[in-house]
Structures are given as C-alpha cells and as structure tokens.
Amino acid sequence: MSFFEMGGYAAYVWPAFGAAAVIMVALLVLSIRTMRAREAALKALEATARRQRAADGDGDRDGEQNAPA
C-alpha cells in the first residue's frame, strides 16, 4: 500500500492527478464539440455554394468563366 501513500505526499499527488484528468477530459469534450460544430458549418457552406452554382448555371467548379472559342 505504500504506492498509494506516495511516501506521505498522497494528499498532494492524488488531487493533482485528479485535476489533470478532469482537465484532459474537459479538453477532449470541448475539442469534439468544436469539431462537430465546424464540420456542420462547413457542410452548410458547401451546400450553399452548390446551390449558388446550380442557380447560376455554372457547372465549372473552380469559378472560372468559360471563354467563347
């Protein structure tokens, strides 16, 4: 059981491990939420661009105008 006592410093070591674990989990959750929100925003922007190209009748994906020959 001396491992868990940490040489008398358990009162400092275990709360530090706990705080670090809570912070890491919080960062993971926030990162995943941000990623999902940005993926949804990107999907909406791509759909908007697709609709605009379809409305303009421009089948050219890079936005260049077709020059007459």
C-alpha atoms as a PDB file:
ATOM      1  CA  MET A   1       0.000   0.000   0.000  1.00  0.00           C
ATOM      2  CA  SER A   2       2.995   2.333   0.101  1.00  0.00           C
ATOM      3  CA  PHE A   3       2.410   3.151  -3.576  1.00  0.00           C
ATOM      4  CA  PHE A   4      -0.939   4.756  -2.785  1.00  0.00           C
ATOM      5  CA  GLU A   5       0.536   6.634   0.164  1.00  0.00           C
ATOM      6  CA  MET A   6       3.183   8.149  -2.160  1.00  0.00           C
ATOM      7  CA  GLY A   7       5.738   8.460   0.613  1.00  0.00           C
ATOM      8  CA  GLY A   8       3.475  10.687   2.659  1.00  0.00           C
ATOM      9  CA  TYR A   9       2.657  13.013  -0.238  1.00  0.00           C
ATOM     10  CA  ALA A  10      -0.589  11.323  -1.298  1.00  0.00           C
ATOM     11  CA  ALA A  11      -2.639  14.317  -0.157  1.00  0.00           C
ATOM     12  CA  TYR A  12      -0.872  16.386  -2.839  1.00  0.00           C
ATOM     13  CA  VAL A  13      -0.220  13.819  -5.566  1.00  0.00           C
ATOM     14  CA  TRP A  14      -3.678  12.254  -5.985  1.00  0.00           C
ATOM     15  CA  PRO A  15      -5.589  15.555  -6.188  1.00  0.00           C
ATOM     16  CA  ALA A  16      -3.060  16.725  -8.773  1.00  0.00           C
ATOM     17  CA  PHE A  17      -3.655  13.563 -10.822  1.00  0.00           C
ATOM     18  CA  GLY A  18      -7.403  14.043 -10.439  1.00  0.00           C
ATOM     19  CA  ALA A  19      -7.276  17.670 -11.536  1.00  0.00           C
ATOM     20  CA  ALA A  20      -5.129  16.778 -14.543  1.00  0.00           C
ATOM     21  CA  ALA A  21      -7.548  14.003 -15.527  1.00  0.00           C
ATOM     22  CA  VAL A  22     -10.562  16.334 -15.251  1.00  0.00           C
ATOM     23  CA  ILE A  23      -8.817  18.983 -17.364  1.00  0.00           C
ATOM     24  CA  MET A  24      -7.835  16.429 -20.032  1.00  0.00           C
ATOM     25  CA  VAL A  25     -11.392  15.077 -20.261  1.00  0.00           C
ATOM     26  CA  ALA A  26     -12.795  18.615 -20.462  1.00  0.00           C
ATOM     27  CA  LEU A  27     -10.376  19.479 -23.269  1.00  0.00           C
ATOM     28  CA  LEU A  28     -11.366  16.331 -25.134  1.00  0.00           C
ATOM     29  CA  VAL A  29     -15.088  17.100 -24.821  1.00  0.00           C
ATOM     30  CA  LEU A  30     -14.635  20.732 -25.888  1.00  0.00           C
ATOM     31  CA  SER A  31     -12.484  19.711 -28.846  1.00  0.00           C
ATOM     32  CA  ILE A  32     -15.041  17.184 -30.064  1.00  0.00           C
ATOM     33  CA  ARG A  33     -17.905  19.696 -29.690  1.00  0.00           C
ATOM     34  CA  THR A  34     -15.951  22.359 -31.587  1.00  0.00           C
ATOM     35  CA  MET A  35     -15.022  19.894 -34.335  1.00  0.00           C
ATOM     36  CA  ARG A  36     -18.647  18.844 -34.809  1.00  0.00           C
ATOM     37  CA  ALA A  37     -19.830  22.459 -34.920  1.00  0.00           C
ATOM     38  CA  ARG A  38     -17.210  23.374 -37.513  1.00  0.00           C
ATOM     39  CA  GLU A  39     -17.987  20.301 -39.602  1.00  0.00           C
ATOM     40  CA  ALA A  40     -21.660  21.305 -39.604  1.00  0.00           C
ATOM     41  CA  ALA A  41     -20.770  24.874 -40.606  1.00  0.00           C
ATOM     42  CA  LEU A  42     -18.550  23.577 -43.413  1.00  0.00           C
ATOM     43  CA  LYS A  43     -21.299  21.265 -44.648  1.00  0.00           C
ATOM     44  CA  ALA A  44     -23.748  24.198 -44.702  1.00  0.00           C
ATOM     45  CA  LEU A  45     -21.263  26.381 -46.603  1.00  0.00           C
ATOM     46  CA  GLU A  46     -20.633  23.629 -49.145  1.00  0.00           C
ATOM     47  CA  ALA A  47     -24.380  23.160 -49.658  1.00  0.00           C
ATOM     48  CA  THR A  48     -24.826  26.916 -50.129  1.00  0.00           C
ATOM     49  CA  ALA A  49     -22.028  27.035 -52.698  1.00  0.00           C
ATOM     50  CA  ARG A  50     -23.526  24.056 -54.531  1.00  0.00           C
ATOM     51  CA  ARG A  51     -26.941  25.755 -54.669  1.00  0.00           C
ATOM     52  CA  GLN A  52     -25.415  29.014 -55.905  1.00  0.00           C
ATOM     53  CA  ARG A  53     -23.514  27.236 -58.688  1.00  0.00           C
ATOM     54  CA  ALA A  54     -26.672  25.410 -59.704  1.00  0.00           C
ATOM     55  CA  ALA A  55     -28.670  28.665 -59.719  1.00  0.00           C
ATOM     56  CA  ASP A  56     -26.023  30.430 -61.805  1.00  0.00           C
ATOM     57  CA  GLY A  57     -25.942  27.576 -64.281  1.00  0.00           C
ATOM     58  CA  ASP A  58     -22.198  27.408 -63.851  1.00  0.00           C
ATOM     59  CA  GLY A  59     -21.033  23.826 -63.961  1.00  0.00           C
ATOM     60  CA  ASP A  60     -17.399  24.909 -63.587  1.00  0.00           C
ATOM     61  CA  ARG A  61     -16.315  24.063 -60.041  1.00  0.00           C
ATOM     62  CA  ASP A  62     -13.361  26.455 -59.780  1.00  0.00           C
ATOM     63  CA  GLY A  63     -15.358  29.554 -60.638  1.00  0.00           C
ATOM     64  CA  GLU A  64     -13.661  30.397 -63.941  1.00  0.00           C
ATOM     65  CA  GLN A  65     -15.783  31.755 -66.756  1.00  0.00           C
ATOM     66  CA  ASN A  66     -15.942  29.762 -69.948  1.00  0.00           C
ATOM     67  CA  ALA A  67     -14.399  31.866 -72.691  1.00  0.00           C
ATOM     68  CA  PRO A  68     -16.059  31.752 -76.123  1.00  0.00           C
ATOM     69  CA  ALA A  69     -13.968  29.991 -78.758  1.00  0.00           C
END
